[in-house]
């Protein structure tokens, strides 16, 4: 069983991406993944949210984050995943220049631009997500690769030129 942590803004209603989260959860669950999505849980006190979410990030195999709008919680979840060598798939909509330089410069991630939700679904289904590793691509700035029959393939540019060590 592969556990995916879904990270997206929750507190600021204007920044929420409920349609994105709903589509990602449905797409992943249809593919057999287990998804932890705190966006759809009942409100809880701060200490409970912190303990629960840290535990779930640490238990996850990889993290998907919607980073089009800034969120301190999303940033903390991304950093926790990075610190524990969890691959991070960061989806964004819009101009990459509007993304934080901390997000763009983070290790262990791939930035995935999308224009609509059907594109998000296609991009998720196009990869072998049960076999992700943190691996720097020699061609682009991505640091997430998928293992397949031919070896390693970059999630960012599709290059198969990854080395086989982490």
N, C-alpha and C. Protein backbone atom coordinates (compact mmCIF):
# COMPACT_ATOMS: atom_id res chain seq x y z
N UNK A 1 0.84 -1.18 0.00
CA UNK A 1 0.00 0.00 0.00
C UNK A 1 0.88 1.24 0.00
N UNK A 2 0.65 2.13 -0.94
CA UNK A 2 1.39 3.38 -1.03
C UNK A 2 0.54 4.49 -0.40
N UNK A 3 1.13 5.22 0.54
CA UNK A 3 0.44 6.32 1.21
C UNK A 3 0.94 7.64 0.65
N UNK A 4 0.01 8.47 0.22
CA UNK A 4 0.31 9.79 -0.34
C UNK A 4 -0.23 10.85 0.61
N UNK A 5 0.58 11.83 0.91
CA UNK A 5 0.14 12.98 1.71
C UNK A 5 -0.20 14.10 0.74
N UNK A 6 -1.41 14.64 0.85
CA UNK A 6 -1.83 15.75 -0.01
C UNK A 6 -1.79 17.04 0.79
N UNK A 7 -0.97 17.96 0.34
CA UNK A 7 -0.76 19.23 1.02
C UNK A 7 -1.31 20.37 0.16
N UNK A 8 -2.16 21.19 0.76
CA UNK A 8 -2.72 22.35 0.06
C UNK A 8 -3.21 23.34 1.12
N UNK A 9 -3.30 24.62 0.75
CA UNK A 9 -3.77 25.61 1.72
C UNK A 9 -5.15 25.26 2.28
N UNK A 10 -5.33 25.50 3.57
CA UNK A 10 -6.60 25.20 4.23
C UNK A 10 -7.23 26.44 4.87
N UNK A 11 -6.43 27.21 5.58
CA UNK A 11 -6.96 28.28 6.43
C UNK A 11 -7.58 29.43 5.64
N UNK A 12 -6.86 29.98 4.69
CA UNK A 12 -7.37 31.13 3.92
C UNK A 12 -8.31 30.63 2.82
N UNK A 13 -9.58 30.95 2.94
CA UNK A 13 -10.57 30.46 1.98
C UNK A 13 -10.23 30.86 0.54
N UNK A 14 -9.67 32.04 0.34
CA UNK A 14 -9.33 32.49 -1.01
C UNK A 14 -8.19 31.68 -1.63
N UNK A 15 -7.39 31.03 -0.80
CA UNK A 15 -6.24 30.25 -1.28
C UNK A 15 -6.55 28.76 -1.43
N UNK A 16 -7.68 28.34 -0.91
CA UNK A 16 -8.02 26.91 -0.95
C UNK A 16 -8.14 26.41 -2.38
N UNK A 17 -7.81 25.16 -2.57
CA UNK A 17 -7.89 24.51 -3.88
C UNK A 17 -8.71 23.22 -3.74
N UNK A 18 -9.96 23.35 -3.30
CA UNK A 18 -10.79 22.18 -3.05
C UNK A 18 -10.99 21.32 -4.29
N UNK A 19 -11.21 21.94 -5.44
CA UNK A 19 -11.41 21.17 -6.67
C UNK A 19 -10.14 20.38 -7.02
N UNK A 20 -8.98 21.00 -6.86
CA UNK A 20 -7.71 20.33 -7.08
C UNK A 20 -7.60 19.13 -6.14
N UNK A 21 -7.86 19.34 -4.86
CA UNK A 21 -7.72 18.27 -3.87
C UNK A 21 -8.68 17.12 -4.15
N UNK A 22 -9.92 17.45 -4.48
CA UNK A 22 -10.91 16.42 -4.79
C UNK A 22 -10.47 15.59 -5.98
N UNK A 23 -9.98 16.24 -7.02
CA UNK A 23 -9.56 15.53 -8.23
C UNK A 23 -8.33 14.67 -7.96
N UNK A 24 -7.37 15.19 -7.21
CA UNK A 24 -6.16 14.42 -6.90
C UNK A 24 -6.51 13.19 -6.07
N UNK A 25 -7.34 13.36 -5.05
CA UNK A 25 -7.73 12.22 -4.20
C UNK A 25 -8.42 11.16 -5.05
N UNK A 26 -9.38 11.56 -5.88
CA UNK A 26 -10.12 10.59 -6.71
C UNK A 26 -9.18 9.87 -7.67
N UNK A 27 -8.30 10.61 -8.32
CA UNK A 27 -7.36 10.02 -9.28
C UNK A 27 -6.43 9.02 -8.61
N UNK A 28 -5.88 9.39 -7.47
CA UNK A 28 -4.96 8.51 -6.76
C UNK A 28 -5.68 7.28 -6.20
N UNK A 29 -6.84 7.49 -5.60
CA UNK A 29 -7.57 6.35 -5.04
C UNK A 29 -8.02 5.39 -6.14
N UNK A 30 -8.41 5.92 -7.31
CA UNK A 30 -8.78 5.06 -8.44
C UNK A 30 -7.59 4.21 -8.90
N UNK A 31 -6.37 4.69 -8.63
CA UNK A 31 -5.16 3.95 -9.01
C UNK A 31 -4.66 3.06 -7.88
N UNK A 32 -5.40 2.99 -6.78
CA UNK A 32 -5.03 2.08 -5.69
C UNK A 32 -4.21 2.68 -4.58
N UNK A 33 -3.98 3.98 -4.60
CA UNK A 33 -3.21 4.64 -3.55
C UNK A 33 -4.10 4.98 -2.37
N UNK A 34 -3.51 5.06 -1.19
CA UNK A 34 -4.19 5.58 -0.01
C UNK A 34 -3.74 7.03 0.15
N UNK A 35 -4.70 7.94 0.31
CA UNK A 35 -4.39 9.37 0.37
C UNK A 35 -4.81 9.94 1.71
N UNK A 36 -3.89 10.65 2.35
CA UNK A 36 -4.23 11.42 3.53
C UNK A 36 -4.39 12.87 3.08
N UNK A 37 -5.62 13.39 3.22
CA UNK A 37 -5.93 14.75 2.78
C UNK A 37 -6.55 15.52 3.94
N UNK A 38 -5.74 16.26 4.71
CA UNK A 38 -6.28 16.97 5.87
C UNK A 38 -7.31 18.04 5.51
N UNK A 39 -7.36 18.43 4.24
CA UNK A 39 -8.32 19.44 3.80
C UNK A 39 -9.76 19.00 4.03
N UNK A 40 -9.99 17.69 4.10
CA UNK A 40 -11.34 17.17 4.21
C UNK A 40 -11.66 16.62 5.60
N UNK A 41 -10.79 16.89 6.57
CA UNK A 41 -11.03 16.43 7.94
C UNK A 41 -11.76 17.51 8.75
N UNK A 42 -12.42 17.08 9.81
CA UNK A 42 -13.09 18.01 10.70
C UNK A 42 -12.04 18.87 11.41
N UNK A 43 -12.40 20.09 11.77
CA UNK A 43 -11.47 20.94 12.50
C UNK A 43 -11.00 20.27 13.79
N UNK A 44 -9.77 20.56 14.17
CA UNK A 44 -9.19 20.02 15.40
C UNK A 44 -8.32 21.09 16.02
N UNK A 45 -7.91 20.87 17.27
CA UNK A 45 -7.05 21.88 17.90
C UNK A 45 -5.65 21.83 17.31
N UNK A 46 -4.93 22.88 17.50
CA UNK A 46 -3.61 23.06 16.86
C UNK A 46 -2.63 21.94 17.17
N UNK A 47 -2.55 21.52 18.43
CA UNK A 47 -1.60 20.47 18.80
C UNK A 47 -1.95 19.15 18.12
N UNK A 48 -3.24 18.84 18.06
CA UNK A 48 -3.67 17.60 17.41
C UNK A 48 -3.35 17.63 15.91
N UNK A 49 -3.62 18.76 15.27
CA UNK A 49 -3.32 18.89 13.84
C UNK A 49 -1.83 18.73 13.60
N UNK A 50 -1.01 19.38 14.41
CA UNK A 50 0.43 19.29 14.24
C UNK A 50 0.91 17.85 14.38
N UNK A 51 0.54 17.18 15.47
CA UNK A 51 0.99 15.80 15.69
C UNK A 51 0.49 14.86 14.60
N UNK A 52 -0.78 14.99 14.25
CA UNK A 52 -1.37 14.12 13.23
C UNK A 52 -0.69 14.31 11.88
N UNK A 53 -0.53 15.58 11.47
CA UNK A 53 0.01 15.85 10.14
C UNK A 53 1.50 15.50 10.04
N UNK A 54 2.26 15.77 11.08
CA UNK A 54 3.67 15.38 11.08
C UNK A 54 3.78 13.86 10.96
N UNK A 55 2.99 13.15 11.74
CA UNK A 55 3.00 11.68 11.69
C UNK A 55 2.66 11.19 10.29
N UNK A 56 1.65 11.76 9.68
CA UNK A 56 1.22 11.30 8.35
C UNK A 56 2.25 11.64 7.27
N UNK A 57 2.91 12.79 7.36
CA UNK A 57 3.98 13.10 6.40
C UNK A 57 5.10 12.07 6.55
N UNK A 58 5.48 11.77 7.77
CA UNK A 58 6.57 10.82 8.01
C UNK A 58 6.20 9.40 7.55
N UNK A 59 4.94 9.05 7.61
CA UNK A 59 4.49 7.72 7.20
C UNK A 59 4.26 7.62 5.69
N UNK A 60 4.17 8.75 5.01
CA UNK A 60 3.85 8.76 3.59
C UNK A 60 5.04 8.30 2.74
N UNK A 61 4.71 7.83 1.55
CA UNK A 61 5.74 7.44 0.59
C UNK A 61 6.18 8.64 -0.24
N UNK A 62 5.25 9.54 -0.50
CA UNK A 62 5.58 10.80 -1.17
C UNK A 62 4.50 11.82 -0.86
N UNK A 63 4.78 13.07 -1.20
CA UNK A 63 3.87 14.17 -0.91
C UNK A 63 3.52 14.88 -2.20
N UNK A 64 2.25 15.20 -2.37
CA UNK A 64 1.80 16.06 -3.46
C UNK A 64 1.36 17.36 -2.83
N UNK A 65 1.87 18.48 -3.33
CA UNK A 65 1.52 19.79 -2.79
C UNK A 65 1.02 20.70 -3.89
N UNK A 66 -0.01 21.48 -3.57
CA UNK A 66 -0.49 22.53 -4.47
C UNK A 66 0.16 23.81 -3.95
N UNK A 67 1.03 24.42 -4.76
CA UNK A 67 1.84 25.54 -4.29
C UNK A 67 1.58 26.85 -5.03
N UNK A 68 0.44 26.95 -5.70
CA UNK A 68 0.13 28.18 -6.44
C UNK A 68 -0.01 29.38 -5.52
N UNK A 69 -0.50 29.17 -4.29
CA UNK A 69 -0.65 30.23 -3.30
C UNK A 69 0.19 29.88 -2.09
N UNK A 70 0.74 30.88 -1.46
CA UNK A 70 1.60 30.61 -0.30
C UNK A 70 0.77 30.15 0.89
N UNK A 71 1.38 29.27 1.67
CA UNK A 71 0.75 28.73 2.88
C UNK A 71 1.86 28.26 3.81
N UNK A 72 1.86 28.75 5.03
CA UNK A 72 2.89 28.32 5.99
C UNK A 72 2.80 26.84 6.28
N UNK A 73 1.59 26.31 6.43
CA UNK A 73 1.42 24.88 6.71
C UNK A 73 1.94 24.02 5.57
N UNK A 74 1.63 24.39 4.34
CA UNK A 74 2.13 23.64 3.18
C UNK A 74 3.65 23.69 3.16
N UNK A 75 4.22 24.85 3.44
CA UNK A 75 5.67 24.98 3.48
C UNK A 75 6.30 24.08 4.53
N UNK A 76 5.67 24.00 5.69
CA UNK A 76 6.19 23.12 6.76
C UNK A 76 6.10 21.65 6.34
N UNK A 77 5.00 21.27 5.71
CA UNK A 77 4.84 19.88 5.29
C UNK A 77 5.86 19.52 4.21
N UNK A 78 6.08 20.44 3.27
CA UNK A 78 7.08 20.21 2.23
C UNK A 78 8.47 20.05 2.86
N UNK A 79 8.82 20.93 3.75
CA UNK A 79 10.15 20.88 4.37
C UNK A 79 10.34 19.59 5.15
N UNK A 80 9.31 19.16 5.86
CA UNK A 80 9.39 17.91 6.61
C UNK A 80 9.61 16.74 5.66
N UNK A 81 8.89 16.72 4.55
CA UNK A 81 9.07 15.65 3.56
C UNK A 81 10.49 15.68 2.99
N UNK A 82 10.97 16.86 2.66
CA UNK A 82 12.32 17.00 2.10
C UNK A 82 13.37 16.50 3.10
N UNK A 83 13.23 16.90 4.35
CA UNK A 83 14.19 16.51 5.38
C UNK A 83 14.22 15.00 5.59
N UNK A 84 13.14 14.31 5.23
CA UNK A 84 13.08 12.86 5.39
C UNK A 84 13.15 12.13 4.06
N UNK A 85 13.67 12.82 3.04
CA UNK A 85 13.92 12.22 1.72
C UNK A 85 12.67 11.63 1.07
N UNK A 86 11.54 12.29 1.29
CA UNK A 86 10.29 11.89 0.64
C UNK A 86 10.19 12.68 -0.66
N UNK A 87 9.92 12.05 -1.78
CA UNK A 87 9.73 12.81 -3.03
C UNK A 87 8.54 13.76 -2.89
N UNK A 88 8.68 14.96 -3.43
CA UNK A 88 7.64 15.98 -3.35
C UNK A 88 7.26 16.42 -4.76
N UNK A 89 6.00 16.23 -5.12
CA UNK A 89 5.47 16.68 -6.40
C UNK A 89 4.71 17.97 -6.14
N UNK A 90 5.25 19.10 -6.64
CA UNK A 90 4.65 20.40 -6.40
C UNK A 90 3.91 20.86 -7.65
N UNK A 91 2.60 20.89 -7.56
CA UNK A 91 1.77 21.37 -8.66
C UNK A 91 1.51 22.86 -8.50
N UNK A 92 1.60 23.59 -9.62
CA UNK A 92 1.29 25.01 -9.57
C UNK A 92 0.57 25.42 -10.84
N UNK A 93 -0.24 26.46 -10.68
CA UNK A 93 -1.00 27.01 -11.78
C UNK A 93 -0.62 28.48 -11.88
N UNK A 94 -0.21 28.90 -13.07
CA UNK A 94 0.15 30.30 -13.24
C UNK A 94 1.63 30.48 -13.53
N UNK A 95 2.09 31.68 -13.26
CA UNK A 95 3.46 32.08 -13.56
C UNK A 95 4.43 31.55 -12.51
N UNK A 96 5.44 30.84 -12.96
CA UNK A 96 6.43 30.28 -12.03
C UNK A 96 7.18 31.37 -11.27
N UNK A 97 7.29 32.54 -11.86
CA UNK A 97 8.00 33.64 -11.18
C UNK A 97 7.27 34.09 -9.91
N UNK A 98 5.97 33.78 -9.81
CA UNK A 98 5.23 34.15 -8.61
C UNK A 98 5.45 33.16 -7.46
N UNK A 99 6.08 32.02 -7.78
CA UNK A 99 6.36 31.04 -6.73
C UNK A 99 7.55 31.49 -5.89
N UNK A 100 7.50 31.18 -4.62
CA UNK A 100 8.58 31.48 -3.71
C UNK A 100 9.89 30.87 -4.21
N UNK A 101 10.97 31.59 -4.03
CA UNK A 101 12.28 31.05 -4.39
C UNK A 101 12.65 29.87 -3.50
N UNK A 102 12.13 29.84 -2.28
CA UNK A 102 12.35 28.68 -1.40
C UNK A 102 11.71 27.44 -2.02
N UNK A 103 10.50 27.60 -2.57
CA UNK A 103 9.82 26.48 -3.22
C UNK A 103 10.57 26.06 -4.47
N UNK A 104 10.92 27.02 -5.30
CA UNK A 104 11.60 26.70 -6.56
C UNK A 104 12.98 26.11 -6.33
N UNK A 105 13.64 26.48 -5.25
CA UNK A 105 14.99 26.01 -5.01
C UNK A 105 15.08 24.79 -4.11
N UNK A 106 13.94 24.28 -3.66
CA UNK A 106 13.94 23.16 -2.71
C UNK A 106 14.52 21.90 -3.33
N UNK A 107 15.15 21.11 -2.48
CA UNK A 107 15.65 19.79 -2.88
C UNK A 107 14.49 18.80 -2.89
N UNK A 108 14.70 17.67 -3.54
CA UNK A 108 13.76 16.56 -3.46
C UNK A 108 12.41 16.78 -4.10
N UNK A 109 12.32 17.72 -5.02
CA UNK A 109 11.03 18.07 -5.59
C UNK A 109 11.06 18.10 -7.11
N UNK A 110 9.84 18.06 -7.65
CA UNK A 110 9.64 18.34 -9.06
C UNK A 110 8.48 19.35 -9.12
N UNK A 111 8.65 20.40 -9.92
CA UNK A 111 7.59 21.37 -10.14
C UNK A 111 6.79 20.95 -11.37
N UNK A 112 5.48 20.90 -11.22
CA UNK A 112 4.61 20.45 -12.30
C UNK A 112 3.56 21.54 -12.55
N UNK A 113 3.67 22.19 -13.68
CA UNK A 113 2.71 23.24 -14.04
C UNK A 113 1.45 22.60 -14.62
N UNK A 114 0.32 23.20 -14.31
CA UNK A 114 -0.94 22.74 -14.90
C UNK A 114 -1.83 23.93 -15.22
N UNK A 115 -2.69 23.74 -16.22
CA UNK A 115 -3.62 24.81 -16.57
C UNK A 115 -5.04 24.50 -16.14
N UNK A 116 -5.40 23.20 -16.08
CA UNK A 116 -6.73 22.81 -15.61
C UNK A 116 -6.66 21.46 -14.92
N UNK A 117 -7.75 21.07 -14.29
CA UNK A 117 -7.75 19.85 -13.47
C UNK A 117 -7.60 18.58 -14.27
N UNK A 118 -8.08 18.57 -15.52
CA UNK A 118 -7.89 17.36 -16.33
C UNK A 118 -6.40 17.14 -16.61
N UNK A 119 -5.66 18.22 -16.72
CA UNK A 119 -4.21 18.11 -16.91
C UNK A 119 -3.52 17.54 -15.67
N UNK A 120 -4.02 17.91 -14.48
CA UNK A 120 -3.48 17.35 -13.23
C UNK A 120 -3.68 15.84 -13.23
N UNK A 121 -4.88 15.41 -13.56
CA UNK A 121 -5.20 13.98 -13.60
C UNK A 121 -4.30 13.25 -14.60
N UNK A 122 -4.14 13.82 -15.79
CA UNK A 122 -3.28 13.20 -16.81
C UNK A 122 -1.85 13.08 -16.34
N UNK A 123 -1.34 14.12 -15.69
CA UNK A 123 0.05 14.10 -15.24
C UNK A 123 0.26 13.09 -14.12
N UNK A 124 -0.72 12.92 -13.26
CA UNK A 124 -0.61 11.92 -12.21
C UNK A 124 -0.63 10.52 -12.81
N UNK A 125 -1.53 10.28 -13.75
CA UNK A 125 -1.68 8.96 -14.35
C UNK A 125 -0.52 8.59 -15.28
N UNK A 126 0.24 9.58 -15.72
CA UNK A 126 1.32 9.33 -16.68
C UNK A 126 2.58 8.75 -16.04
N UNK A 127 2.60 8.67 -14.71
CA UNK A 127 3.83 8.26 -14.04
C UNK A 127 3.63 7.03 -13.16
N UNK A 128 4.73 6.36 -12.90
CA UNK A 128 4.79 5.18 -12.04
C UNK A 128 5.02 5.67 -10.61
N UNK A 129 3.99 6.21 -9.98
CA UNK A 129 4.14 6.88 -8.70
C UNK A 129 4.46 5.95 -7.54
N UNK A 130 4.20 4.67 -7.70
CA UNK A 130 4.53 3.75 -6.60
C UNK A 130 6.03 3.50 -6.51
N UNK A 131 6.80 3.99 -7.47
CA UNK A 131 8.24 3.78 -7.47
C UNK A 131 9.01 5.09 -7.64
N UNK A 132 8.71 6.05 -6.79
CA UNK A 132 9.39 7.34 -6.84
C UNK A 132 10.60 7.35 -5.93
N UNK A 133 11.64 8.05 -6.35
CA UNK A 133 12.81 8.26 -5.51
C UNK A 133 13.28 9.70 -5.65
N UNK A 134 13.99 10.18 -4.65
CA UNK A 134 14.64 11.48 -4.74
C UNK A 134 15.94 11.26 -5.49
N UNK A 135 16.07 11.90 -6.65
CA UNK A 135 17.24 11.72 -7.50
C UNK A 135 17.38 12.95 -8.39
N UNK A 136 18.49 13.63 -8.33
CA UNK A 136 18.70 14.82 -9.14
C UNK A 136 18.82 14.45 -10.61
N UNK A 137 18.10 15.19 -11.44
CA UNK A 137 18.15 14.97 -12.88
C UNK A 137 19.37 15.70 -13.45
N UNK A 138 20.12 15.05 -14.34
CA UNK A 138 21.27 15.72 -14.95
C UNK A 138 20.86 16.70 -16.06
N UNK A 139 19.58 16.72 -16.43
CA UNK A 139 19.12 17.55 -17.54
C UNK A 139 18.34 18.78 -17.07
N UNK A 140 17.45 18.60 -16.08
CA UNK A 140 16.61 19.72 -15.63
C UNK A 140 16.79 19.91 -14.12
N UNK A 141 15.97 20.75 -13.53
CA UNK A 141 16.10 21.04 -12.10
C UNK A 141 15.30 20.09 -11.22
N UNK A 142 14.64 19.12 -11.79
CA UNK A 142 13.86 18.16 -11.01
C UNK A 142 14.79 17.28 -10.17
N UNK A 143 14.25 16.84 -9.05
CA UNK A 143 14.98 15.92 -8.19
C UNK A 143 14.11 14.74 -7.79
N UNK A 144 13.17 14.39 -8.67
CA UNK A 144 12.30 13.23 -8.44
C UNK A 144 12.31 12.38 -9.70
N UNK A 145 12.54 11.09 -9.52
CA UNK A 145 12.55 10.15 -10.64
C UNK A 145 11.64 8.98 -10.31
N UNK A 146 11.18 8.33 -11.36
CA UNK A 146 10.39 7.11 -11.21
C UNK A 146 11.21 5.95 -11.73
N UNK A 147 11.13 4.83 -11.02
CA UNK A 147 11.80 3.62 -11.48
C UNK A 147 10.82 2.85 -12.35
N UNK A 148 11.30 2.41 -13.51
CA UNK A 148 10.48 1.57 -14.39
C UNK A 148 11.38 0.50 -14.99
N UNK A 149 10.84 -0.26 -15.94
CA UNK A 149 11.59 -1.38 -16.53
C UNK A 149 12.91 -0.94 -17.15
N UNK A 150 12.93 0.26 -17.70
CA UNK A 150 14.14 0.75 -18.38
C UNK A 150 15.16 1.38 -17.43
N UNK A 151 14.78 1.60 -16.20
CA UNK A 151 15.67 2.27 -15.25
C UNK A 151 14.96 3.42 -14.58
N UNK A 152 15.64 4.56 -14.48
CA UNK A 152 15.07 5.74 -13.84
C UNK A 152 14.69 6.77 -14.90
N UNK A 153 13.53 7.43 -14.68
CA UNK A 153 13.08 8.47 -15.60
C UNK A 153 12.66 9.68 -14.79
N UNK A 154 13.11 10.84 -15.19
CA UNK A 154 12.81 12.10 -14.52
C UNK A 154 11.33 12.44 -14.65
N UNK A 155 10.71 12.85 -13.55
CA UNK A 155 9.33 13.31 -13.62
C UNK A 155 9.22 14.70 -14.23
N UNK A 156 10.31 15.45 -14.19
CA UNK A 156 10.27 16.81 -14.73
C UNK A 156 10.37 16.86 -16.23
N UNK A 157 11.39 16.22 -16.79
CA UNK A 157 11.63 16.33 -18.23
C UNK A 157 11.51 15.01 -18.98
N UNK A 158 11.37 13.92 -18.25
CA UNK A 158 11.24 12.61 -18.89
C UNK A 158 12.56 11.97 -19.26
N UNK A 159 13.67 12.61 -18.92
CA UNK A 159 14.99 12.08 -19.25
C UNK A 159 15.23 10.76 -18.53
N UNK A 160 15.87 9.86 -19.22
CA UNK A 160 16.26 8.58 -18.63
C UNK A 160 17.71 8.59 -18.21
N UNK A 161 18.33 9.76 -18.14
CA UNK A 161 19.76 9.87 -17.86
C UNK A 161 20.14 9.89 -16.41
N UNK A 162 19.24 9.53 -15.53
CA UNK A 162 19.57 9.54 -14.09
C UNK A 162 20.60 8.47 -13.76
N UNK A 163 21.44 8.78 -12.82
CA UNK A 163 22.37 7.79 -12.30
C UNK A 163 21.57 6.88 -11.37
N UNK A 164 22.09 5.73 -11.05
CA UNK A 164 21.33 4.77 -10.26
C UNK A 164 21.61 4.85 -8.77
N UNK A 165 22.31 5.85 -8.30
CA UNK A 165 22.50 5.99 -6.87
C UNK A 165 21.76 7.23 -6.38
N UNK A 166 21.45 7.25 -5.09
CA UNK A 166 20.73 8.37 -4.49
C UNK A 166 21.70 9.21 -3.70
